[in-house]
Structure formats: C-alpha cells, structure tokens
C-alpha cells in the first residue's frame, strides 16, 4: 500500500459518491425497509435499523420518508419484498469485488451484475471465491491533523478494535460491526466527527491501479454501482487519480 494516499483515495471515492446522490435516498429506503422487516420497527431494539435511520438523517431524508419505509418493512403499509443477495467477482487484473444487492427479482439482479462485469473486462465468481479477502467491520476515518492521542483514547474506551494512523496522517478507527454506532456516537460526543463512517467489508490487502488499468477498473465499479439492485460495492482495488 506504500506510495498511495488513503486520504486522497477516500476523497476521490466520496466525490464519486456525491455525484450519484440521486440514488442515495432509494438505497437508504430499501435498507430501512429490509432492516425493519428482519428486526422490527423499534430502533432501540434493532441495531441495523438504527444505523440505517441515522445514515438517512445525516443525508437529510425527511422524517415522513423514514417512517413510511419502516412501516412498509413491518407490514403496516404495503411495500415491495426485497431479498438480500451477495455476489462475488473479479475486475481488472483479478481485483476482488463484492456486490451486495437488495432486489425483488433475483434473476434480473444476477443478469445485470454479470453483464456489468463482463462488459468491462471482469467476471462473476462463485460464492466464497473472494469474501475471505475482506473483513466485516465498522470504519471511521479522520483527516490529517486530527489528534491521534484523543482519537485513540476515546475510541478504545468506547470499544473500538483498532486505531490505525496512515502515512498521510489520516486516522482510521476500526470497530466490530455491532459496536460501530456506539463508538461513532462516543467519538462525536467528544467532538470527533468522522469524514467517512460506515460498516463495510474492508480488504485485507489492496492493489493500486493507475493509468489505463485504473480507468478500466473504475468503469466496472461505476457500472455496478449504477445498477438499481446494487446497494454496496467493495473491492481490493485502489484507484489512483492521474
């Protein structure tokens, strides 16, 4: 990983996500609906729903939209029944990709994912082919210049698993998935608001892509993220901006 800036890469990724904000509400509504269906409509008793609602509020989603999505999940309102499906595949030079979907049509979802991969030089793998390369965890990222001592003290006290300072000075707090919100809230109470905070599939090792390979790999990721059924895309690829 030496030779590339984690901070620059995160800023690049956030910029691309911000450009696709039109899809964010749709994704969040689906996640809230599914979380409510699986674990009930009480955020105090349903950590997944609590996390989804918190994210929706951060994106300034109207409260009425959140309430409707919860009611659709609990059956109080009629709604679509979404299924969770995970696909695994490969991009340029064998870079690993995980594609998490929420769909009401599994056949359409797999066809669209397979097409997006193959059209741009990737391919669909079998179940378990790449997931072992990733760790399911919470991640909170703080910019260069943030007090490392303060981050470490608050994070570890709140139940974080690890605190990693990158060469570029950015600081990442790693948490168990179930403790993510507790740690995030403790950090914010201490005045430490993360620039990026998410429960993610974190790659154990990363491969840096530059030049033409970076462009090709980005096309695969964009094609996948543009699919209506796709909620999240994780990869071992790091795209360097030229």
Protein backbone atom coordinates (compact mmCIF):
# COMPACT_ATOMS: atom_id res chain seq x y z
CA UNK A 1 0.00 0.00 0.00
CA UNK A 2 3.01 2.28 0.21
CA UNK A 3 3.08 5.08 -2.32
CA UNK A 4 -0.61 5.99 -2.32
CA UNK A 5 -2.58 8.25 -0.01
CA UNK A 6 -5.52 6.72 1.81
CA UNK A 7 -6.88 10.21 2.39
CA UNK A 8 -6.70 11.13 -1.30
CA UNK A 9 -8.36 7.85 -2.24
CA UNK A 10 -11.21 8.39 0.23
CA UNK A 11 -11.75 11.93 -1.08
CA UNK A 12 -11.85 10.55 -4.63
CA UNK A 13 -14.39 7.91 -3.59
CA UNK A 14 -16.55 10.41 -1.70
CA UNK A 15 -16.55 12.72 -4.70
CA UNK A 16 -17.84 9.96 -6.94
CA UNK A 17 -20.50 9.01 -4.39
CA UNK A 18 -21.64 12.63 -4.06
CA UNK A 19 -22.07 12.78 -7.83
CA UNK A 20 -24.58 9.92 -7.53
CA UNK A 21 -26.65 11.40 -4.72
CA UNK A 22 -29.86 10.78 -6.66
CA UNK A 23 -29.61 7.09 -5.77
CA UNK A 24 -28.81 7.57 -2.10
CA UNK A 25 -32.40 8.03 -0.90
CA UNK A 26 -33.56 4.99 -2.88
CA UNK A 27 -30.82 2.82 -1.36
CA UNK A 28 -31.49 4.06 2.15
CA UNK A 29 -35.25 3.47 1.88
CA UNK A 30 -34.61 -0.11 0.76
CA UNK A 31 -32.15 -0.67 3.62
CA UNK A 32 -34.57 0.78 6.21
CA UNK A 33 -37.42 -1.37 4.86
CA UNK A 34 -35.40 -4.58 4.96
CA UNK A 35 -33.93 -3.80 8.40
CA UNK A 36 -37.41 -3.17 9.79
CA UNK A 37 -38.77 -6.37 8.22
CA UNK A 38 -35.96 -8.51 9.67
CA UNK A 39 -35.60 -6.96 13.11
CA UNK A 40 -38.75 -4.95 13.83
CA UNK A 41 -39.52 -1.25 13.68
CA UNK A 42 -38.03 -0.21 17.05
CA UNK A 43 -34.61 1.40 16.51
CA UNK A 44 -33.69 0.83 20.17
CA UNK A 45 -34.06 -2.92 19.70
CA UNK A 46 -32.83 -3.14 16.09
CA UNK A 47 -29.19 -2.02 15.60
CA UNK A 48 -29.33 -2.40 11.82
CA UNK A 49 -32.42 -0.18 11.60
CA UNK A 50 -30.87 2.31 14.00
CA UNK A 51 -27.80 2.58 11.78
CA UNK A 52 -29.88 2.96 8.62
CA UNK A 53 -32.09 5.67 10.15
CA UNK A 54 -29.03 7.53 11.46
CA UNK A 55 -27.50 7.48 7.97
CA UNK A 56 -30.77 8.66 6.43
CA UNK A 57 -30.92 11.59 8.85
CA UNK A 58 -27.33 12.52 8.02
CA UNK A 59 -28.40 12.65 4.37
CA UNK A 60 -31.30 14.93 5.38
CA UNK A 61 -34.01 12.47 4.40
CA UNK A 62 -37.45 13.75 5.50
CA UNK A 63 -38.83 12.03 8.60
CA UNK A 64 -42.02 11.06 6.74
CA UNK A 65 -39.96 9.04 4.22
CA UNK A 66 -38.18 7.23 7.05
CA UNK A 67 -41.44 6.45 8.86
CA UNK A 68 -43.08 5.14 5.68
CA UNK A 69 -40.09 2.90 4.93
CA UNK A 70 -40.21 1.44 8.45
CA UNK A 71 -43.97 0.80 8.18
CA UNK A 72 -43.50 -0.92 4.83
CA UNK A 73 -40.91 -3.15 6.44
CA UNK A 74 -43.10 -4.05 9.41
CA UNK A 75 -46.14 -4.66 7.19
CA UNK A 76 -48.19 -1.66 8.40
CA UNK A 77 -48.06 -0.34 4.83
CA UNK A 78 -47.95 -2.31 1.61
CA UNK A 79 -44.48 -2.50 0.11
CA UNK A 80 -42.05 -4.45 -2.04
CA UNK A 81 -40.44 -7.55 -0.54
CA UNK A 82 -36.69 -7.20 -1.11
CA UNK A 83 -34.20 -10.06 -0.80
CA UNK A 84 -30.57 -9.69 0.20
CA UNK A 85 -28.09 -11.29 -2.19
CA UNK A 86 -24.30 -11.12 -2.29
CA UNK A 87 -22.31 -11.71 -5.46
CA UNK A 88 -18.55 -12.11 -5.69
CA UNK A 89 -16.42 -11.41 -8.73
CA UNK A 90 -13.24 -10.10 -10.25
CA UNK A 91 -12.25 -6.92 -12.03
CA UNK A 92 -9.11 -5.93 -13.92
CA UNK A 93 -6.01 -7.98 -13.08
CA UNK A 94 -8.01 -10.19 -10.74
CA UNK A 95 -9.00 -7.45 -8.28
CA UNK A 96 -11.64 -8.86 -5.93
CA UNK A 97 -15.15 -7.36 -5.86
CA UNK A 98 -18.11 -7.95 -3.54
CA UNK A 99 -21.52 -6.77 -4.74
CA UNK A 100 -24.33 -6.57 -2.18
CA UNK A 101 -27.86 -6.33 -3.59
CA UNK A 102 -31.38 -5.76 -2.31
CA UNK A 103 -33.75 -6.91 -5.03
CA UNK A 104 -37.30 -8.03 -5.74
CA UNK A 105 -36.07 -10.03 -8.75
CA UNK A 106 -33.06 -12.30 -8.22
CA UNK A 107 -32.87 -13.35 -11.88
CA UNK A 108 -32.69 -9.73 -13.05
CA UNK A 109 -30.11 -8.87 -10.39
CA UNK A 110 -27.66 -11.64 -11.31
CA UNK A 111 -28.05 -10.98 -15.04
CA UNK A 112 -27.37 -7.27 -14.57
CA UNK A 113 -24.35 -7.88 -12.32
CA UNK A 114 -22.88 -10.46 -14.67
CA UNK A 115 -23.37 -8.15 -17.66
CA UNK A 116 -21.80 -5.14 -15.90
CA UNK A 117 -18.76 -7.21 -15.02
CA UNK A 118 -18.24 -8.97 -18.35
CA UNK A 119 -18.88 -5.85 -20.46
CA UNK A 120 -15.91 -4.10 -18.87
CA UNK A 121 -13.44 -6.97 -18.55
CA UNK A 122 -14.44 -8.54 -15.24
CA UNK A 123 -16.24 -11.77 -14.40
CA UNK A 124 -18.61 -13.23 -11.84
CA UNK A 125 -17.10 -15.65 -9.32
CA UNK A 126 -18.59 -18.39 -7.17
CA UNK A 127 -19.83 -18.00 -3.59
CA UNK A 128 -16.84 -17.75 -1.27
CA UNK A 129 -14.35 -17.02 -4.04
CA UNK A 130 -13.27 -13.60 -2.72
CA UNK A 131 -15.14 -12.86 0.52
CA UNK A 132 -12.31 -14.33 2.60
CA UNK A 133 -10.13 -11.41 1.45
CA UNK A 134 -12.36 -8.95 3.34
CA UNK A 135 -13.19 -8.23 6.96
CA UNK A 136 -16.69 -7.17 8.06
CA UNK A 137 -16.15 -4.20 10.36
CA UNK A 138 -17.00 -0.62 11.18
CA UNK A 139 -14.68 2.11 9.88
CA UNK A 140 -14.42 5.77 10.89
CA UNK A 141 -11.92 7.98 9.08
CA UNK A 142 -10.48 11.24 10.42
CA UNK A 143 -8.45 13.77 8.39
CA UNK A 144 -4.74 14.51 8.74
CA UNK A 145 -4.17 16.88 11.65
CA UNK A 146 -6.68 15.18 13.97
CA UNK A 147 -5.27 14.45 17.43
CA UNK A 148 -4.09 10.85 17.37
CA UNK A 149 -3.96 10.69 21.17
CA UNK A 150 -7.54 11.91 21.53
CA UNK A 151 -8.86 9.56 18.85
CA UNK A 152 -7.12 6.59 20.42
CA UNK A 153 -8.24 7.40 23.95
CA UNK A 154 -11.92 7.90 23.07
CA UNK A 155 -12.12 5.09 20.51
CA UNK A 156 -10.56 2.36 22.64
CA UNK A 157 -12.58 3.41 25.69
CA UNK A 158 -15.77 3.14 23.59
CA UNK A 159 -14.96 -0.38 22.39
CA UNK A 160 -13.03 0.11 19.14
CA UNK A 161 -10.93 -2.78 17.90
CA UNK A 162 -8.01 -0.83 16.48
CA UNK A 163 -6.76 2.67 15.60
CA UNK A 164 -4.52 2.97 12.54
CA UNK A 165 -2.59 6.08 11.50
CA UNK A 166 -1.75 6.16 7.79
CA UNK A 167 1.44 7.58 6.30
CA UNK A 168 -0.52 10.61 5.07
CA UNK A 169 -1.64 11.43 8.63
CA UNK A 170 -5.24 10.27 8.33
CA UNK A 171 -6.53 8.14 11.20
CA UNK A 172 -8.88 5.18 10.86
CA UNK A 173 -10.82 3.67 13.74
CA UNK A 174 -11.83 0.01 13.26
CA UNK A 175 -14.75 -1.41 15.23
CA UNK A 176 -16.66 -4.69 15.44
CA UNK A 177 -19.82 -4.27 13.30
CA UNK A 178 -22.11 -4.43 16.33
CA UNK A 179 -20.20 -1.72 18.19
CA UNK A 180 -19.96 0.72 15.27
CA UNK A 181 -22.77 3.08 16.34
CA UNK A 182 -21.68 3.09 19.99
CA UNK A 183 -18.13 4.07 19.03
CA UNK A 184 -19.33 6.62 16.45
CA UNK A 185 -21.61 8.30 18.98
CA UNK A 186 -18.86 8.36 21.63
CA UNK A 187 -16.45 9.94 19.14
CA UNK A 188 -18.98 12.60 18.16
CA UNK A 189 -19.73 13.34 21.82
CA UNK A 190 -16.01 14.05 22.20
CA UNK A 191 -16.11 16.45 19.24
CA UNK A 192 -14.59 14.00 16.77
CA UNK A 193 -16.82 13.74 13.68
CA UNK A 194 -15.58 11.29 11.06
CA UNK A 195 -15.37 12.36 7.44
CA UNK A 196 -16.39 8.84 6.44
CA UNK A 197 -18.19 6.45 8.79
CA UNK A 198 -19.60 3.12 7.63
CA UNK A 199 -20.00 -0.56 8.31
CA UNK A 200 -18.04 -2.08 5.46
CA UNK A 201 -16.20 -5.04 4.02
CA UNK A 202 -12.58 -3.96 4.44
CA UNK A 203 -10.00 -5.61 2.17
CA UNK A 204 -7.06 -7.27 3.91
CA UNK A 205 -4.73 -6.21 1.13
CA UNK A 206 -5.20 -3.62 -1.60
CA UNK A 207 -3.91 -3.28 -5.16
CA UNK A 208 -3.20 0.19 -6.55
CA UNK A 209 -4.44 0.87 -10.07
CA UNK A 210 -3.03 3.65 -12.24
CA UNK A 211 -3.30 4.76 -15.88
CA UNK A 212 -5.45 2.70 -18.28
CA UNK A 213 -6.00 -0.08 -15.75
CA UNK A 214 -7.40 2.47 -13.29
CA UNK A 215 -9.82 3.77 -15.92
CA UNK A 216 -10.95 0.23 -16.81
CA UNK A 217 -11.40 -0.75 -13.17
CA UNK A 218 -13.36 2.42 -12.40
CA UNK A 219 -15.72 1.64 -15.31
CA UNK A 220 -16.51 -1.74 -13.75
CA UNK A 221 -17.19 -0.19 -10.34
CA UNK A 222 -19.33 2.58 -11.85
CA UNK A 223 -21.35 0.10 -13.92
CA UNK A 224 -22.06 -2.00 -10.82
CA UNK A 225 -22.93 0.96 -8.59
CA UNK A 226 -25.33 2.31 -11.22
CA UNK A 227 -27.48 -0.85 -11.08
CA UNK A 228 -30.80 -0.34 -9.29
CA UNK A 229 -30.49 -3.59 -7.34
CA UNK A 230 -26.97 -2.88 -6.05
CA UNK A 231 -26.63 -1.42 -2.55
CA UNK A 232 -22.87 -1.61 -1.95
CA UNK A 233 -19.73 -2.49 -3.88
CA UNK A 234 -16.48 -3.40 -2.12
CA UNK A 235 -13.14 -4.03 -3.81
CA UNK A 236 -9.47 -4.67 -3.17
CA UNK A 237 -8.69 -2.13 -5.91
CA UNK A 238 -7.46 1.36 -5.05
CA UNK A 239 -7.96 3.78 -7.94
CA UNK A 240 -5.20 6.39 -8.16
CA UNK A 241 -6.23 9.72 -9.65
CA UNK A 242 -4.00 10.80 -12.51
